[in-house]
N, C-alpha and C. Protein backbone atom coordinates (compact mmCIF):
# COMPACT_ATOMS: atom_id res chain seq x y z
N MET A 1 104.24 89.44 116.88
CA MET A 1 104.47 89.90 115.51
C MET A 1 103.81 91.25 115.34
N SER A 2 104.57 92.29 115.38
CA SER A 2 104.01 93.62 115.21
C SER A 2 104.34 94.15 113.83
N ALA A 3 103.74 95.27 113.49
CA ALA A 3 103.96 95.88 112.19
C ALA A 3 105.40 96.36 112.09
N PRO A 4 106.00 96.22 110.91
CA PRO A 4 107.35 96.73 110.74
C PRO A 4 107.34 98.26 110.85
N LEU A 5 108.35 98.83 111.47
CA LEU A 5 108.40 100.27 111.65
C LEU A 5 109.08 100.93 110.46
N SER A 6 108.40 101.89 109.87
CA SER A 6 108.93 102.61 108.72
C SER A 6 108.30 103.98 108.68
N ALA A 7 109.01 104.94 108.11
CA ALA A 7 108.49 106.30 108.03
C ALA A 7 107.31 106.36 107.05
N ASP A 8 107.38 105.60 105.98
CA ASP A 8 106.32 105.60 104.97
C ASP A 8 105.51 104.31 105.05
N LEU A 9 104.76 104.15 106.13
CA LEU A 9 103.97 102.94 106.32
C LEU A 9 102.55 103.31 106.73
N ALA A 10 101.59 102.89 105.91
CA ALA A 10 100.18 103.08 106.25
C ALA A 10 99.70 101.80 106.91
N GLN A 11 98.82 101.94 107.91
CA GLN A 11 98.32 100.77 108.62
C GLN A 11 96.80 100.73 108.61
N ILE A 12 96.26 99.52 108.45
CA ILE A 12 94.82 99.28 108.57
C ILE A 12 94.65 98.36 109.77
N GLY A 13 94.01 98.87 110.82
CA GLY A 13 93.90 98.14 112.08
C GLY A 13 92.91 96.99 112.04
N LYS A 14 92.91 96.21 113.12
CA LYS A 14 92.10 95.00 113.24
C LYS A 14 90.61 95.23 113.02
N SER A 15 90.09 96.37 113.50
CA SER A 15 88.64 96.60 113.45
C SER A 15 88.20 97.30 112.16
N VAL A 16 89.13 97.62 111.26
CA VAL A 16 88.79 98.36 110.04
C VAL A 16 88.39 97.40 108.92
N VAL A 17 87.28 97.74 108.24
CA VAL A 17 86.80 96.97 107.08
C VAL A 17 86.75 97.91 105.88
N ILE A 18 87.42 97.54 104.79
CA ILE A 18 87.45 98.37 103.59
C ILE A 18 86.95 97.54 102.42
N LYS A 19 86.03 98.13 101.64
CA LYS A 19 85.55 97.48 100.42
C LYS A 19 85.76 98.45 99.26
N GLY A 20 86.53 98.02 98.26
CA GLY A 20 86.79 98.88 97.11
C GLY A 20 88.24 98.78 96.66
N GLU A 21 88.70 99.82 95.96
CA GLU A 21 90.06 99.85 95.43
C GLU A 21 90.99 100.58 96.37
N LEU A 22 92.12 99.97 96.66
CA LEU A 22 93.15 100.59 97.50
C LEU A 22 94.39 100.76 96.64
N SER A 23 94.93 101.97 96.60
CA SER A 23 96.19 102.19 95.89
C SER A 23 97.00 103.21 96.66
N GLY A 24 98.30 103.21 96.44
CA GLY A 24 99.13 104.15 97.16
C GLY A 24 100.58 104.07 96.75
N SER A 25 101.36 104.98 97.32
CA SER A 25 102.79 105.01 97.02
C SER A 25 103.60 104.92 98.32
N GLU A 26 103.10 104.15 99.27
CA GLU A 26 103.83 103.85 100.48
C GLU A 26 103.51 102.41 100.88
N ASP A 27 104.34 101.85 101.76
CA ASP A 27 104.11 100.49 102.21
C ASP A 27 102.81 100.44 103.02
N LEU A 28 102.14 99.29 102.96
CA LEU A 28 100.85 99.14 103.63
C LEU A 28 100.86 97.89 104.50
N TYR A 29 100.38 98.05 105.75
CA TYR A 29 100.24 96.94 106.69
C TYR A 29 98.75 96.76 106.96
N VAL A 30 98.21 95.60 106.63
CA VAL A 30 96.78 95.33 106.79
C VAL A 30 96.59 94.30 107.90
N ASP A 31 95.89 94.69 108.97
CA ASP A 31 95.55 93.74 110.01
C ASP A 31 94.03 93.64 110.14
N GLY A 32 93.30 94.32 109.25
CA GLY A 32 91.85 94.30 109.24
C GLY A 32 91.35 93.52 108.04
N GLN A 33 90.19 93.94 107.51
CA GLN A 33 89.59 93.26 106.37
C GLN A 33 89.56 94.19 105.16
N VAL A 34 89.96 93.65 104.01
CA VAL A 34 89.92 94.40 102.75
C VAL A 34 89.30 93.52 101.69
N GLU A 35 88.32 94.09 100.95
CA GLU A 35 87.72 93.41 99.80
C GLU A 35 87.83 94.31 98.60
N GLY A 36 88.27 93.78 97.46
CA GLY A 36 88.36 94.58 96.24
C GLY A 36 89.68 94.37 95.55
N SER A 37 90.49 95.45 95.45
CA SER A 37 91.80 95.34 94.84
C SER A 37 92.79 96.24 95.57
N ILE A 38 94.06 95.81 95.57
CA ILE A 38 95.13 96.57 96.20
C ILE A 38 96.24 96.74 95.17
N ALA A 39 96.60 98.00 94.88
CA ALA A 39 97.66 98.30 93.92
C ALA A 39 98.71 99.18 94.59
N LEU A 40 99.87 98.59 94.84
CA LEU A 40 101.01 99.31 95.43
C LEU A 40 102.24 98.98 94.59
N LYS A 41 102.26 99.45 93.35
CA LYS A 41 103.24 98.98 92.37
C LYS A 41 104.69 99.06 92.82
N GLY A 42 105.10 100.15 93.48
CA GLY A 42 106.49 100.27 93.88
C GLY A 42 106.72 100.02 95.36
N ASN A 43 105.72 99.47 96.05
CA ASN A 43 105.81 99.35 97.50
C ASN A 43 105.40 97.97 97.97
N ALA A 44 105.52 97.78 99.29
CA ALA A 44 105.27 96.46 99.89
C ALA A 44 103.92 96.41 100.59
N LEU A 45 103.32 95.25 100.56
CA LEU A 45 102.08 94.97 101.29
C LEU A 45 102.38 93.88 102.30
N THR A 46 102.01 94.13 103.56
CA THR A 46 102.12 93.11 104.60
C THR A 46 100.72 92.85 105.14
N ILE A 47 100.31 91.59 105.09
CA ILE A 47 99.03 91.20 105.66
C ILE A 47 99.35 90.58 107.01
N GLY A 48 98.94 91.26 108.08
CA GLY A 48 99.24 90.83 109.44
C GLY A 48 98.51 89.56 109.83
N PRO A 49 98.80 89.04 111.02
CA PRO A 49 98.21 87.76 111.45
C PRO A 49 96.69 87.81 111.58
N ASN A 50 96.11 88.99 111.81
CA ASN A 50 94.65 89.11 111.89
C ASN A 50 94.03 89.56 110.57
N GLY A 51 94.86 89.84 109.58
CA GLY A 51 94.38 90.36 108.29
C GLY A 51 93.60 89.34 107.50
N GLN A 52 92.51 89.81 106.89
CA GLN A 52 91.70 88.99 105.99
C GLN A 52 91.47 89.80 104.72
N VAL A 53 92.11 89.39 103.63
CA VAL A 53 92.06 90.14 102.39
C VAL A 53 91.43 89.28 101.31
N LYS A 54 90.37 89.82 100.69
CA LYS A 54 89.76 89.19 99.51
C LYS A 54 89.94 90.19 98.38
N ALA A 55 91.08 90.11 97.71
CA ALA A 55 91.40 91.13 96.71
C ALA A 55 92.47 90.62 95.75
N SER A 56 92.49 91.20 94.57
CA SER A 56 93.63 91.00 93.69
C SER A 56 94.70 91.99 94.14
N VAL A 57 95.94 91.53 94.22
CA VAL A 57 97.02 92.32 94.78
C VAL A 57 98.12 92.51 93.75
N GLU A 58 98.56 93.76 93.61
CA GLU A 58 99.73 94.07 92.78
C GLU A 58 100.64 94.96 93.59
N ALA A 59 101.85 94.47 93.88
CA ALA A 59 102.79 95.22 94.71
C ALA A 59 104.22 94.80 94.37
N LYS A 60 105.19 95.53 94.91
CA LYS A 60 106.59 95.16 94.73
C LYS A 60 106.91 93.92 95.55
N GLY A 61 106.49 93.95 96.81
CA GLY A 61 106.72 92.81 97.70
C GLY A 61 105.47 92.54 98.51
N VAL A 62 105.22 91.27 98.81
CA VAL A 62 104.03 90.89 99.59
C VAL A 62 104.47 89.90 100.68
N ILE A 63 104.10 90.22 101.93
CA ILE A 63 104.32 89.30 103.04
C ILE A 63 102.95 88.95 103.61
N VAL A 64 102.65 87.66 103.70
CA VAL A 64 101.35 87.21 104.19
C VAL A 64 101.53 86.45 105.50
N GLN A 65 100.84 86.93 106.55
CA GLN A 65 100.80 86.22 107.81
C GLN A 65 99.37 85.77 108.11
N GLY A 66 98.39 86.42 107.50
CA GLY A 66 96.98 86.12 107.72
C GLY A 66 96.38 85.39 106.54
N LYS A 67 95.17 85.81 106.15
CA LYS A 67 94.43 85.12 105.09
C LYS A 67 94.32 86.01 103.85
N LEU A 68 94.58 85.43 102.68
CA LEU A 68 94.48 86.15 101.41
C LEU A 68 93.75 85.28 100.40
N ASP A 69 92.62 85.79 99.91
CA ASP A 69 91.88 85.15 98.82
C ASP A 69 91.99 86.06 97.61
N GLY A 70 92.76 85.65 96.61
CA GLY A 70 92.92 86.46 95.41
C GLY A 70 94.29 86.24 94.80
N ASN A 71 94.44 86.70 93.58
CA ASN A 71 95.70 86.54 92.86
C ASN A 71 96.69 87.62 93.26
N VAL A 72 97.97 87.26 93.23
CA VAL A 72 99.04 88.18 93.63
C VAL A 72 100.01 88.34 92.47
N ILE A 73 100.32 89.60 92.14
CA ILE A 73 101.39 89.90 91.19
C ILE A 73 102.39 90.76 91.95
N ALA A 74 103.58 90.21 92.18
CA ALA A 74 104.62 90.93 92.91
C ALA A 74 105.84 91.07 92.00
N SER A 75 106.29 92.31 91.80
CA SER A 75 107.43 92.52 90.91
C SER A 75 108.74 92.04 91.50
N ASP A 76 108.81 91.87 92.84
CA ASP A 76 110.06 91.44 93.45
C ASP A 76 109.92 90.11 94.19
N ARG A 77 109.16 90.11 95.32
CA ARG A 77 109.18 88.93 96.21
C ARG A 77 107.86 88.72 96.92
N VAL A 78 107.52 87.45 97.15
CA VAL A 78 106.37 87.07 97.97
C VAL A 78 106.88 86.17 99.09
N GLU A 79 106.40 86.45 100.30
CA GLU A 79 106.80 85.66 101.46
C GLU A 79 105.55 85.18 102.18
N LEU A 80 105.40 83.87 102.33
CA LEU A 80 104.27 83.30 103.05
C LEU A 80 104.79 82.78 104.39
N ARG A 81 104.37 83.42 105.46
CA ARG A 81 104.80 83.01 106.79
C ARG A 81 103.99 81.80 107.23
N ARG A 82 104.40 81.17 108.33
CA ARG A 82 103.78 79.88 108.72
C ARG A 82 102.29 79.98 108.99
N SER A 83 101.79 81.15 109.37
CA SER A 83 100.36 81.30 109.66
C SER A 83 99.55 81.71 108.43
N ALA A 84 100.19 81.80 107.26
CA ALA A 84 99.52 82.27 106.04
C ALA A 84 98.56 81.23 105.47
N VAL A 85 97.42 81.73 104.96
CA VAL A 85 96.47 80.92 104.21
C VAL A 85 96.16 81.69 102.94
N VAL A 86 96.62 81.16 101.80
CA VAL A 86 96.47 81.86 100.52
C VAL A 86 95.72 80.98 99.54
N ASN A 87 94.63 81.53 98.99
CA ASN A 87 93.87 80.88 97.92
C ASN A 87 93.97 81.78 96.70
N GLY A 88 94.80 81.41 95.74
CA GLY A 88 94.94 82.22 94.54
C GLY A 88 96.30 81.99 93.91
N ASP A 89 96.46 82.50 92.70
CA ASP A 89 97.70 82.32 91.95
C ASP A 89 98.69 83.42 92.31
N ILE A 90 99.97 83.08 92.26
CA ILE A 90 101.04 84.02 92.59
C ILE A 90 102.00 84.12 91.41
N ALA A 91 102.29 85.35 90.98
CA ALA A 91 103.29 85.60 89.94
C ALA A 91 104.33 86.53 90.55
N THR A 92 105.59 86.10 90.59
CA THR A 92 106.65 86.87 91.22
C THR A 92 108.01 86.41 90.71
N GLN A 93 109.07 87.17 91.05
CA GLN A 93 110.42 86.74 90.71
C GLN A 93 110.99 85.81 91.77
N ARG A 94 110.65 86.08 93.05
CA ARG A 94 111.18 85.26 94.15
C ARG A 94 110.05 84.95 95.12
N ILE A 95 110.11 83.75 95.72
CA ILE A 95 109.08 83.38 96.70
C ILE A 95 109.72 82.60 97.85
N ALA A 96 109.20 82.85 99.05
CA ALA A 96 109.64 82.10 100.24
C ALA A 96 108.38 81.60 100.94
N ILE A 97 108.33 80.31 101.22
CA ILE A 97 107.17 79.72 101.88
C ILE A 97 107.66 78.98 103.12
N GLU A 98 107.22 79.47 104.29
CA GLU A 98 107.62 78.81 105.54
C GLU A 98 106.82 77.53 105.74
N GLU A 99 107.41 76.61 106.48
CA GLU A 99 106.73 75.37 106.81
C GLU A 99 105.47 75.69 107.60
N GLY A 100 104.34 75.11 107.19
CA GLY A 100 103.07 75.35 107.86
C GLY A 100 102.16 76.30 107.10
N ALA A 101 102.71 77.05 106.15
CA ALA A 101 101.89 77.96 105.34
C ALA A 101 101.02 77.14 104.39
N PHE A 102 99.82 77.68 104.07
CA PHE A 102 98.89 77.00 103.17
C PHE A 102 98.77 77.81 101.89
N LEU A 103 98.92 77.13 100.76
CA LEU A 103 98.78 77.78 99.45
C LEU A 103 97.98 76.88 98.54
N LYS A 104 96.87 77.42 98.02
CA LYS A 104 96.09 76.70 97.02
C LYS A 104 96.04 77.58 95.79
N GLY A 105 96.77 77.20 94.76
CA GLY A 105 96.88 77.99 93.54
C GLY A 105 98.19 77.67 92.87
N LYS A 106 98.47 78.36 91.79
CA LYS A 106 99.72 78.09 91.08
C LYS A 106 100.71 79.23 91.34
N VAL A 107 101.99 78.88 91.23
CA VAL A 107 103.06 79.84 91.41
C VAL A 107 103.79 79.97 90.08
N ASP A 108 103.92 81.21 89.60
CA ASP A 108 104.61 81.50 88.35
C ASP A 108 105.84 82.34 88.68
N ILE A 109 107.02 81.72 88.59
CA ILE A 109 108.26 82.44 88.86
C ILE A 109 108.71 83.08 87.55
N GLN A 110 108.77 84.41 87.55
CA GLN A 110 109.11 85.14 86.34
C GLN A 110 110.53 85.65 86.40
N GLY A 111 111.27 85.43 85.33
CA GLY A 111 112.62 85.96 85.24
C GLY A 111 112.58 87.44 84.87
N LYS A 112 113.71 88.10 84.95
CA LYS A 112 113.77 89.52 84.62
C LYS A 112 113.44 89.76 83.16
N ALA A 113 113.81 88.85 82.28
CA ALA A 113 113.52 89.00 80.85
C ALA A 113 112.02 88.97 80.60
N GLU A 114 111.31 88.06 81.29
CA GLU A 114 109.84 87.98 81.14
C GLU A 114 109.18 89.25 81.63
N LYS A 115 109.67 89.79 82.74
CA LYS A 115 109.10 91.00 83.32
C LYS A 115 109.29 92.17 82.36
N ALA A 116 110.49 92.29 81.77
CA ALA A 116 110.77 93.38 80.85
C ALA A 116 109.93 93.26 79.58
N ALA A 117 109.74 92.04 79.10
CA ALA A 117 108.94 91.82 77.90
C ALA A 117 107.47 92.13 78.15
N GLY A 118 107.01 91.93 79.39
CA GLY A 118 105.62 92.18 79.75
C GLY A 118 105.28 93.66 79.82
N LYS A 119 106.28 94.54 79.95
CA LYS A 119 106.01 95.98 80.07
C LYS A 119 105.79 96.62 78.74
């Protein structure tokens, strides 16, 4: 399972540890450790199989293969792969959970009307 290839993709490697606020306007692939918050409103966040994230996450799309402790707000889609371990609440329009993924928290599926009213 390697990082998806894209022209606008930032990567955080296995040995990198970040503490604080992360924000950006490109897709982000995390295979290291992040503590704090991640804001990628119009872009996707992928947490790789070695990724360990303790943060509140706000992004367009979120794919989790590693470990995530924190709440997720995704404007489009959340995908939990079989190796995912998620502790926290998820708010999104669409969600996919593979067999074997672990989720402890609540899932709030929001319709387009709810999203528009929230803005």
